[in-house]
Amino acid sequence: MKFLVGAQLPRRLADWLHAQGFDAIHTLDMPLANATSDKDIVDLADREGRIVVTKDDDFCPFVHRFREATSPFADLHRQYSK
């Protein structure tokens, strides 16, 4: 499996995934680092077959708006009670 870890999560998550044997990168590894646009993240994930791991609440609605309906996408959210 291939992962792309988003800017809101620590690089050590990508490092941990890599240590577990997965192909994992962080947005800091991309040319624009944490300034990489959501579109560029989605494009890279599609091109390389990566699963995007993010806690960015705006990312999932972005993907729903701009992806083709036939593209595979899992929208998983974890809610925390206060």
C-alpha atoms as a PDB file:
ATOM      1  CA  MET A   1       0.000   0.000   0.000  1.00  0.00           C
ATOM      2  CA  LYS A   2       1.060   3.564  -0.675  1.00  0.00           C
ATOM      3  CA  PHE A   3       0.212   6.498   1.586  1.00  0.00           C
ATOM      4  CA  LEU A   4       0.440  10.270   1.381  1.00  0.00           C
ATOM      5  CA  VAL A   5       0.248  11.907   4.821  1.00  0.00           C
ATOM      6  CA  GLY A   6      -1.218  15.419   4.898  1.00  0.00           C
ATOM      7  CA  ALA A   7       0.233  18.601   6.342  1.00  0.00           C
ATOM      8  CA  GLN A   8      -1.934  18.547   9.492  1.00  0.00           C
ATOM      9  CA  LEU A   9      -0.365  15.281  10.600  1.00  0.00           C
ATOM     10  CA  PRO A  10       3.219  14.809  11.776  1.00  0.00           C
ATOM     11  CA  ARG A  11       5.937  13.588   9.438  1.00  0.00           C
ATOM     12  CA  ARG A  12       6.667  10.859  11.987  1.00  0.00           C
ATOM     13  CA  LEU A  13       3.385   9.168  10.920  1.00  0.00           C
ATOM     14  CA  ALA A  14       4.772   8.785   7.387  1.00  0.00           C
ATOM     15  CA  ASP A  15       8.067   7.612   8.898  1.00  0.00           C
ATOM     16  CA  TRP A  16       6.225   5.054  11.051  1.00  0.00           C
ATOM     17  CA  LEU A  17       4.228   3.757   8.063  1.00  0.00           C
ATOM     18  CA  HIS A  18       7.473   3.455   6.106  1.00  0.00           C
ATOM     19  CA  ALA A  19       9.084   1.543   9.008  1.00  0.00           C
ATOM     20  CA  GLN A  20       6.128  -0.872   8.878  1.00  0.00           C
ATOM     21  CA  GLY A  21       6.968  -1.647   5.249  1.00  0.00           C
ATOM     22  CA  PHE A  22       4.582   0.725   3.479  1.00  0.00           C
ATOM     23  CA  ASP A  23       5.484   3.237   0.781  1.00  0.00           C
ATOM     24  CA  ALA A  24       4.662   6.453   2.643  1.00  0.00           C
ATOM     25  CA  ILE A  25       5.430  10.093   1.961  1.00  0.00           C
ATOM     26  CA  HIS A  26       4.455  13.323   3.695  1.00  0.00           C
ATOM     27  CA  THR A  27       3.424  16.566   2.015  1.00  0.00           C
ATOM     28  CA  LEU A  28       6.758  17.939   3.273  1.00  0.00           C
ATOM     29  CA  ASP A  29       8.365  15.585   0.728  1.00  0.00           C
ATOM     30  CA  MET A  30       6.529  17.281  -2.148  1.00  0.00           C
ATOM     31  CA  PRO A  31       8.045  20.225  -4.088  1.00  0.00           C
ATOM     32  CA  LEU A  32       5.753  22.801  -2.434  1.00  0.00           C
ATOM     33  CA  ALA A  33       5.884  20.999   0.928  1.00  0.00           C
ATOM     34  CA  ASN A  34       2.944  21.902   3.168  1.00  0.00           C
ATOM     35  CA  ALA A  35       1.858  24.612   0.705  1.00  0.00           C
ATOM     36  CA  THR A  36       0.866  21.910  -1.808  1.00  0.00           C
ATOM     37  CA  SER A  37      -2.691  22.468  -3.026  1.00  0.00           C
ATOM     38  CA  ASP A  38      -5.449  19.923  -2.404  1.00  0.00           C
ATOM     39  CA  LYS A  39      -5.725  19.467  -6.178  1.00  0.00           C
ATOM     40  CA  ASP A  40      -2.025  18.610  -6.466  1.00  0.00           C
ATOM     41  CA  ILE A  41      -2.349  16.159  -3.565  1.00  0.00           C
ATOM     42  CA  VAL A  42      -5.318  14.428  -5.221  1.00  0.00           C
ATOM     43  CA  ASP A  43      -3.534  14.363  -8.592  1.00  0.00           C
ATOM     44  CA  LEU A  44      -0.417  12.770  -7.074  1.00  0.00           C
ATOM     45  CA  ALA A  45      -2.488  10.251  -5.117  1.00  0.00           C
ATOM     46  CA  ASP A  46      -4.326   9.271  -8.315  1.00  0.00           C
ATOM     47  CA  ARG A  47      -1.133   9.033 -10.370  1.00  0.00           C
ATOM     48  CA  GLU A  48       0.755   6.962  -7.802  1.00  0.00           C
ATOM     49  CA  GLY A  49      -2.159   5.006  -6.326  1.00  0.00           C
ATOM     50  CA  ARG A  50      -1.708   6.529  -2.866  1.00  0.00           C
ATOM     51  CA  ILE A  51      -4.161   6.667   0.019  1.00  0.00           C
ATOM     52  CA  VAL A  52      -4.351  10.190   1.436  1.00  0.00           C
ATOM     53  CA  VAL A  53      -4.276  10.316   5.237  1.00  0.00           C
ATOM     54  CA  THR A  54      -5.466  13.699   6.477  1.00  0.00           C
ATOM     55  CA  LYS A  55      -7.404  15.378   9.238  1.00  0.00           C
ATOM     56  CA  ASP A  56      -8.183  18.416   7.067  1.00  0.00           C
ATOM     57  CA  ASP A  57     -11.957  18.899   7.291  1.00  0.00           C
ATOM     58  CA  ASP A  58     -11.947  20.797   3.981  1.00  0.00           C
ATOM     59  CA  PHE A  59     -10.177  18.053   2.037  1.00  0.00           C
ATOM     60  CA  CYS A  60     -13.042  15.563   1.687  1.00  0.00           C
ATOM     61  CA  PRO A  61     -15.582  18.082   0.353  1.00  0.00           C
ATOM     62  CA  PHE A  62     -12.905  19.254  -2.111  1.00  0.00           C
ATOM     63  CA  VAL A  63     -12.400  15.716  -3.381  1.00  0.00           C
ATOM     64  CA  HIS A  64     -16.146  15.122  -3.714  1.00  0.00           C
ATOM     65  CA  ARG A  65     -16.527  18.297  -5.796  1.00  0.00           C
ATOM     66  CA  PHE A  66     -13.599  17.805  -8.142  1.00  0.00           C
ATOM     67  CA  ARG A  67     -13.198  14.060  -8.632  1.00  0.00           C
ATOM     68  CA  GLU A  68     -14.931  12.031 -11.248  1.00  0.00           C
ATOM     69  CA  ALA A  69     -17.768   9.954  -9.865  1.00  0.00           C
ATOM     70  CA  THR A  70     -16.052   6.791 -11.111  1.00  0.00           C
ATOM     71  CA  SER A  71     -12.831   7.344  -9.152  1.00  0.00           C
ATOM     72  CA  PRO A  72     -12.512   5.254  -5.982  1.00  0.00           C
ATOM     73  CA  PHE A  73     -12.570   7.321  -2.819  1.00  0.00           C
ATOM     74  CA  ALA A  74     -13.242   6.464   0.803  1.00  0.00           C
ATOM     75  CA  ASP A  75     -14.436   9.282   3.035  1.00  0.00           C
ATOM     76  CA  LEU A  76     -13.775   8.204   6.610  1.00  0.00           C
ATOM     77  CA  HIS A  77     -14.251  10.607   9.485  1.00  0.00           C
ATOM     78  CA  ARG A  78     -13.650  10.193  13.157  1.00  0.00           C
ATOM     79  CA  GLN A  79     -15.667  12.407  15.433  1.00  0.00           C
ATOM     80  CA  TYR A  80     -14.624  13.278  18.927  1.00  0.00           C
ATOM     81  CA  SER A  81     -17.072  14.211  21.636  1.00  0.00           C
ATOM     82  CA  LYS A  82     -16.146  17.033  23.961  1.00  0.00           C
END
